[in-house]
Amino acid sequence: MLDNQNNITNYIDMNKDYTKAIPPAWRNFAKVFIALGDEHRQRIMLTFEAGEQLNVGQIVEVSTLSRSAVSHHLKILREAGVLDSEKRGKEVYFWLNKKPIKESLQAVLDYVKSQ
């Protein structure tokens, strides 16, 4: 049992050191990549046409997910900055925010080019 606890402690310590090695700017991009790494969130993102604004109900209509699941995924996408939203009356409308996606991908490309 003690060996197992030591392994867990070493793992946690190793991850702290690993996180410190990631440049601060990349930590911000991690939210974008995490948000876009989920298949359901990818499908939600692909639901939007250029310039289109959709509410939760409209997204649920074309999804296989429940309303609560769609709302959960929308929250993650919004927190990552890849969706913007605005409440209008009783509905919240969402639309794509391409800037954080472009910045994240550009940071990866710049890193790859520099290597």
N, C-alpha and C. Protein backbone atom coordinates (compact mmCIF):
# COMPACT_ATOMS: atom_id res chain seq x y z
N MET A 1 0.82 -1.19 0.00
CA MET A 1 0.00 0.00 0.00
C MET A 1 0.86 1.26 0.00
N LEU A 2 1.94 1.25 0.80
CA LEU A 2 2.82 2.41 0.86
C LEU A 2 3.45 2.69 -0.49
N ASP A 3 3.88 1.64 -1.22
CA ASP A 3 4.46 1.83 -2.54
C ASP A 3 3.47 2.50 -3.48
N ASN A 4 2.22 2.10 -3.40
CA ASN A 4 1.20 2.69 -4.25
C ASN A 4 1.03 4.18 -3.94
N GLN A 5 1.04 4.55 -2.65
CA GLN A 5 0.92 5.96 -2.28
C GLN A 5 2.14 6.75 -2.76
N ASN A 6 3.32 6.16 -2.67
CA ASN A 6 4.53 6.83 -3.16
C ASN A 6 4.45 7.04 -4.67
N ASN A 7 3.94 6.05 -5.38
CA ASN A 7 3.79 6.18 -6.83
C ASN A 7 2.84 7.32 -7.19
N ILE A 8 1.74 7.41 -6.45
CA ILE A 8 0.77 8.48 -6.70
C ILE A 8 1.41 9.84 -6.42
N THR A 9 2.13 9.94 -5.30
CA THR A 9 2.79 11.20 -4.95
C THR A 9 3.81 11.58 -6.02
N ASN A 10 4.60 10.62 -6.46
CA ASN A 10 5.58 10.89 -7.51
C ASN A 10 4.90 11.33 -8.80
N TYR A 11 3.79 10.69 -9.13
CA TYR A 11 3.04 11.03 -10.34
C TYR A 11 2.54 12.47 -10.27
N ILE A 12 1.98 12.85 -9.11
CA ILE A 12 1.46 14.20 -8.94
C ILE A 12 2.61 15.20 -9.03
N ASP A 13 3.72 14.93 -8.35
CA ASP A 13 4.87 15.83 -8.41
C ASP A 13 5.40 15.96 -9.82
N MET A 14 5.45 14.84 -10.55
CA MET A 14 5.94 14.86 -11.92
C MET A 14 5.03 15.73 -12.79
N ASN A 15 3.72 15.62 -12.60
CA ASN A 15 2.80 16.40 -13.41
C ASN A 15 2.90 17.89 -13.10
N LYS A 16 3.18 18.25 -11.85
CA LYS A 16 3.38 19.66 -11.52
C LYS A 16 4.58 20.20 -12.28
N ASP A 17 5.66 19.45 -12.28
CA ASP A 17 6.86 19.87 -13.01
C ASP A 17 6.58 19.94 -14.50
N TYR A 18 5.83 19.00 -15.01
CA TYR A 18 5.51 18.97 -16.43
C TYR A 18 4.69 20.19 -16.82
N THR A 19 3.72 20.55 -16.00
CA THR A 19 2.87 21.71 -16.28
C THR A 19 3.70 22.99 -16.28
N LYS A 20 4.67 23.07 -15.39
CA LYS A 20 5.52 24.26 -15.34
C LYS A 20 6.32 24.42 -16.63
N ALA A 21 6.60 23.34 -17.32
CA ALA A 21 7.39 23.39 -18.54
C ALA A 21 6.58 23.92 -19.73
N ILE A 22 5.28 23.95 -19.59
CA ILE A 22 4.42 24.43 -20.67
C ILE A 22 4.37 25.96 -20.59
N PRO A 23 4.69 26.64 -21.70
CA PRO A 23 4.65 28.12 -21.69
C PRO A 23 3.25 28.62 -21.30
N PRO A 24 3.18 29.70 -20.55
CA PRO A 24 1.88 30.23 -20.10
C PRO A 24 0.88 30.44 -21.25
N ALA A 25 1.34 30.93 -22.39
CA ALA A 25 0.44 31.16 -23.52
C ALA A 25 -0.20 29.86 -23.99
N TRP A 26 0.55 28.77 -23.93
CA TRP A 26 0.02 27.47 -24.36
C TRP A 26 -1.04 26.97 -23.39
N ARG A 27 -0.91 27.32 -22.12
CA ARG A 27 -1.92 26.90 -21.14
C ARG A 27 -3.29 27.45 -21.52
N ASN A 28 -3.31 28.68 -22.04
CA ASN A 28 -4.58 29.27 -22.48
C ASN A 28 -5.15 28.51 -23.67
N PHE A 29 -4.28 28.06 -24.56
CA PHE A 29 -4.74 27.33 -25.74
C PHE A 29 -5.24 25.94 -25.39
N ALA A 30 -4.80 25.42 -24.26
CA ALA A 30 -5.21 24.07 -23.87
C ALA A 30 -6.72 23.97 -23.77
N LYS A 31 -7.39 25.02 -23.28
CA LYS A 31 -8.85 24.99 -23.19
C LYS A 31 -9.48 24.82 -24.56
N VAL A 32 -8.92 25.47 -25.55
CA VAL A 32 -9.46 25.35 -26.91
C VAL A 32 -9.30 23.92 -27.41
N PHE A 33 -8.11 23.36 -27.24
CA PHE A 33 -7.88 22.01 -27.73
C PHE A 33 -8.70 20.97 -26.96
N ILE A 34 -8.85 21.17 -25.67
CA ILE A 34 -9.68 20.26 -24.88
C ILE A 34 -11.13 20.35 -25.35
N ALA A 35 -11.62 21.56 -25.53
CA ALA A 35 -13.01 21.74 -25.97
C ALA A 35 -13.24 21.12 -27.35
N LEU A 36 -12.29 21.28 -28.23
CA LEU A 36 -12.46 20.76 -29.60
C LEU A 36 -12.09 19.29 -29.71
N GLY A 37 -11.55 18.72 -28.65
CA GLY A 37 -11.14 17.32 -28.69
C GLY A 37 -12.28 16.33 -28.51
N ASP A 38 -13.45 16.81 -28.17
CA ASP A 38 -14.60 15.94 -27.94
C ASP A 38 -15.46 15.86 -29.21
N GLU A 39 -15.82 14.65 -29.59
CA GLU A 39 -16.59 14.43 -30.82
C GLU A 39 -17.94 15.15 -30.81
N HIS A 40 -18.62 15.17 -29.68
CA HIS A 40 -19.92 15.84 -29.61
C HIS A 40 -19.75 17.35 -29.78
N ARG A 41 -18.71 17.91 -29.18
CA ARG A 41 -18.48 19.34 -29.32
C ARG A 41 -18.05 19.69 -30.74
N GLN A 42 -17.32 18.79 -31.38
CA GLN A 42 -16.97 19.01 -32.79
C GLN A 42 -18.23 19.08 -33.64
N ARG A 43 -19.15 18.16 -33.39
CA ARG A 43 -20.40 18.15 -34.15
C ARG A 43 -21.21 19.42 -33.91
N ILE A 44 -21.23 19.88 -32.66
CA ILE A 44 -21.93 21.12 -32.36
C ILE A 44 -21.30 22.27 -33.13
N MET A 45 -19.98 22.35 -33.13
CA MET A 45 -19.29 23.42 -33.86
C MET A 45 -19.61 23.37 -35.35
N LEU A 46 -19.67 22.16 -35.90
CA LEU A 46 -19.95 22.01 -37.33
C LEU A 46 -21.40 22.29 -37.69
N THR A 47 -22.26 22.42 -36.69
CA THR A 47 -23.67 22.75 -36.91
C THR A 47 -23.83 24.18 -37.42
N PHE A 48 -22.94 25.06 -37.02
CA PHE A 48 -23.05 26.47 -37.35
C PHE A 48 -22.61 26.75 -38.79
N GLU A 49 -23.47 27.43 -39.53
CA GLU A 49 -23.10 27.96 -40.84
C GLU A 49 -22.40 29.30 -40.59
N ALA A 50 -21.70 29.80 -41.60
CA ALA A 50 -21.00 31.08 -41.46
C ALA A 50 -21.97 32.18 -41.04
N GLY A 51 -21.65 32.86 -39.94
CA GLY A 51 -22.45 33.96 -39.45
C GLY A 51 -23.74 33.57 -38.75
N GLU A 52 -24.00 32.29 -38.63
CA GLU A 52 -25.26 31.82 -38.06
C GLU A 52 -25.23 31.89 -36.53
N GLN A 53 -26.39 32.21 -35.96
CA GLN A 53 -26.57 32.21 -34.51
C GLN A 53 -27.70 31.24 -34.19
N LEU A 54 -27.43 30.33 -33.27
CA LEU A 54 -28.40 29.29 -32.91
C LEU A 54 -28.65 29.29 -31.41
N ASN A 55 -29.88 28.93 -31.02
CA ASN A 55 -30.17 28.77 -29.60
C ASN A 55 -30.07 27.28 -29.24
N VAL A 56 -30.14 26.98 -27.97
CA VAL A 56 -29.98 25.61 -27.49
C VAL A 56 -30.99 24.68 -28.17
N GLY A 57 -32.23 25.11 -28.25
CA GLY A 57 -33.27 24.28 -28.84
C GLY A 57 -32.98 23.91 -30.28
N GLN A 58 -32.46 24.86 -31.05
CA GLN A 58 -32.12 24.59 -32.44
C GLN A 58 -30.97 23.59 -32.55
N ILE A 59 -30.03 23.68 -31.66
CA ILE A 59 -28.90 22.74 -31.67
C ILE A 59 -29.37 21.35 -31.25
N VAL A 60 -30.24 21.29 -30.24
CA VAL A 60 -30.77 20.01 -29.77
C VAL A 60 -31.53 19.31 -30.91
N GLU A 61 -32.28 20.07 -31.71
CA GLU A 61 -33.06 19.49 -32.81
C GLU A 61 -32.21 18.68 -33.78
N VAL A 62 -30.99 19.10 -34.01
CA VAL A 62 -30.14 18.41 -34.98
C VAL A 62 -29.11 17.50 -34.31
N SER A 63 -29.23 17.37 -33.00
CA SER A 63 -28.28 16.56 -32.23
C SER A 63 -28.92 15.27 -31.76
N THR A 64 -28.09 14.31 -31.42
CA THR A 64 -28.57 13.06 -30.82
C THR A 64 -28.52 13.14 -29.30
N LEU A 65 -28.09 14.29 -28.77
CA LEU A 65 -27.91 14.46 -27.34
C LEU A 65 -29.14 15.10 -26.70
N SER A 66 -29.26 14.92 -25.40
CA SER A 66 -30.33 15.56 -24.64
C SER A 66 -30.06 17.06 -24.52
N ARG A 67 -31.07 17.79 -24.15
CA ARG A 67 -30.91 19.24 -23.97
C ARG A 67 -29.86 19.55 -22.91
N SER A 68 -29.87 18.80 -21.81
CA SER A 68 -28.89 19.06 -20.75
C SER A 68 -27.46 18.74 -21.22
N ALA A 69 -27.31 17.69 -22.01
CA ALA A 69 -25.98 17.35 -22.53
C ALA A 69 -25.49 18.42 -23.50
N VAL A 70 -26.37 18.90 -24.37
CA VAL A 70 -26.01 19.98 -25.30
C VAL A 70 -25.62 21.22 -24.51
N SER A 71 -26.40 21.56 -23.50
CA SER A 71 -26.09 22.74 -22.67
C SER A 71 -24.72 22.60 -22.01
N HIS A 72 -24.41 21.40 -21.53
CA HIS A 72 -23.10 21.14 -20.92
C HIS A 72 -21.98 21.39 -21.92
N HIS A 73 -22.12 20.85 -23.12
CA HIS A 73 -21.09 21.01 -24.14
C HIS A 73 -20.97 22.47 -24.59
N LEU A 74 -22.10 23.17 -24.68
CA LEU A 74 -22.07 24.59 -25.05
C LEU A 74 -21.32 25.40 -23.99
N LYS A 75 -21.51 25.05 -22.74
CA LYS A 75 -20.81 25.74 -21.65
C LYS A 75 -19.30 25.58 -21.80
N ILE A 76 -18.85 24.38 -22.09
CA ILE A 76 -17.42 24.13 -22.26
C ILE A 76 -16.87 24.90 -23.46
N LEU A 77 -17.61 24.89 -24.55
CA LEU A 77 -17.19 25.61 -25.76
C LEU A 77 -17.13 27.12 -25.50
N ARG A 78 -18.11 27.62 -24.76
CA ARG A 78 -18.14 29.05 -24.45
C ARG A 78 -16.99 29.42 -23.51
N GLU A 79 -16.74 28.58 -22.50
CA GLU A 79 -15.64 28.85 -21.57
C GLU A 79 -14.28 28.80 -22.26
N ALA A 80 -14.17 27.99 -23.30
CA ALA A 80 -12.92 27.92 -24.07
C ALA A 80 -12.80 29.10 -25.02
N GLY A 81 -13.89 29.84 -25.19
CA GLY A 81 -13.86 31.02 -26.04
C GLY A 81 -14.18 30.77 -27.50
N VAL A 82 -14.48 29.53 -27.86
CA VAL A 82 -14.73 29.23 -29.28
C VAL A 82 -16.18 29.49 -29.70
N LEU A 83 -17.04 29.72 -28.71
CA LEU A 83 -18.40 30.17 -28.96
C LEU A 83 -18.64 31.42 -28.14
N ASP A 84 -19.35 32.36 -28.73
CA ASP A 84 -19.84 33.52 -28.00
C ASP A 84 -21.33 33.33 -27.82
N SER A 85 -21.90 34.06 -26.87
CA SER A 85 -23.32 33.91 -26.62
C SER A 85 -23.92 35.22 -26.15
N GLU A 86 -25.25 35.29 -26.30
CA GLU A 86 -25.99 36.46 -25.84
C GLU A 86 -27.40 36.02 -25.48
N LYS A 87 -27.88 36.49 -24.35
CA LYS A 87 -29.25 36.17 -23.94
C LYS A 87 -30.19 37.18 -24.57
N ARG A 88 -31.21 36.66 -25.24
CA ARG A 88 -32.25 37.49 -25.85
C ARG A 88 -33.59 36.98 -25.37
N GLY A 89 -34.20 37.72 -24.49
CA GLY A 89 -35.44 37.26 -23.88
C GLY A 89 -35.16 36.03 -23.04
N LYS A 90 -35.86 34.95 -23.34
CA LYS A 90 -35.67 33.71 -22.59
C LYS A 90 -34.64 32.78 -23.23
N GLU A 91 -34.18 33.12 -24.41
CA GLU A 91 -33.25 32.26 -25.15
C GLU A 91 -31.83 32.80 -25.11
N VAL A 92 -30.88 31.89 -25.15
CA VAL A 92 -29.47 32.24 -25.29
C VAL A 92 -29.04 31.80 -26.68
N TYR A 93 -28.48 32.73 -27.45
CA TYR A 93 -28.02 32.43 -28.80
C TYR A 93 -26.50 32.31 -28.80
N PHE A 94 -26.00 31.39 -29.59
CA PHE A 94 -24.57 31.11 -29.69
C PHE A 94 -24.11 31.31 -31.12
N TRP A 95 -22.85 31.68 -31.28
CA TRP A 95 -22.23 31.77 -32.60
C TRP A 95 -20.74 31.51 -32.44
N LEU A 96 -20.13 31.15 -33.57
CA LEU A 96 -18.70 30.82 -33.57
C LEU A 96 -17.84 32.04 -33.30
N ASN A 97 -16.78 31.83 -32.54
CA ASN A 97 -15.74 32.83 -32.35
C ASN A 97 -14.46 32.19 -32.87
N LYS A 98 -14.09 32.54 -34.07
CA LYS A 98 -12.95 31.89 -34.74
C LYS A 98 -11.59 32.35 -34.22
N LYS A 99 -11.54 33.51 -33.60
CA LYS A 99 -10.25 34.08 -33.19
C LYS A 99 -9.44 33.16 -32.28
N PRO A 100 -10.02 32.60 -31.20
CA PRO A 100 -9.20 31.72 -30.34
C PRO A 100 -8.75 30.45 -31.05
N ILE A 101 -9.55 29.98 -31.99
CA ILE A 101 -9.17 28.78 -32.74
C ILE A 101 -7.98 29.10 -33.64
N LYS A 102 -8.07 30.22 -34.35
CA LYS A 102 -6.97 30.63 -35.23
C LYS A 102 -5.69 30.87 -34.43
N GLU A 103 -5.81 31.54 -33.29
CA GLU A 103 -4.63 31.83 -32.47
C GLU A 103 -3.99 30.55 -31.94
N SER A 104 -4.81 29.60 -31.54
CA SER A 104 -4.30 28.33 -31.02
C SER A 104 -3.57 27.55 -32.10
N LEU A 105 -4.20 27.45 -33.26
CA LEU A 105 -3.57 26.73 -34.36
C LEU A 105 -2.30 27.43 -34.84
N GLN A 106 -2.34 28.76 -34.87
CA GLN A 106 -1.15 29.52 -35.29
C GLN A 106 0.01 29.31 -34.32
N ALA A 107 -0.30 29.25 -33.02
CA ALA A 107 0.75 29.02 -32.03
C ALA A 107 1.41 27.66 -32.25
N VAL A 108 0.62 26.67 -32.57
CA VAL A 108 1.17 25.34 -32.84
C VAL A 108 2.02 25.37 -34.11
N LEU A 109 1.51 26.01 -35.15
CA LEU A 109 2.27 26.12 -36.40
C LEU A 109 3.59 26.87 -36.18
N ASP A 110 3.54 27.96 -35.45
CA ASP A 110 4.77 28.73 -35.18
C ASP A 110 5.78 27.87 -34.42
N TYR A 111 5.30 27.09 -33.47
CA TYR A 111 6.19 26.22 -32.72
C TYR A 111 6.82 25.16 -33.63
N VAL A 112 6.01 24.55 -34.46
CA VAL A 112 6.51 23.52 -35.37
C VAL A 112 7.54 24.10 -36.33
N LYS A 113 7.27 25.29 -36.85
CA LYS A 113 8.21 25.94 -37.77
C LYS A 113 9.53 26.28 -37.10
N SER A 114 9.48 26.58 -35.82
CA SER A 114 10.70 26.97 -35.09
C SER A 114 11.58 25.79 -34.72
N GLN A 115 11.05 24.59 -34.85
CA GLN A 115 11.81 23.39 -34.45
C GLN A 115 12.64 22.85 -35.57
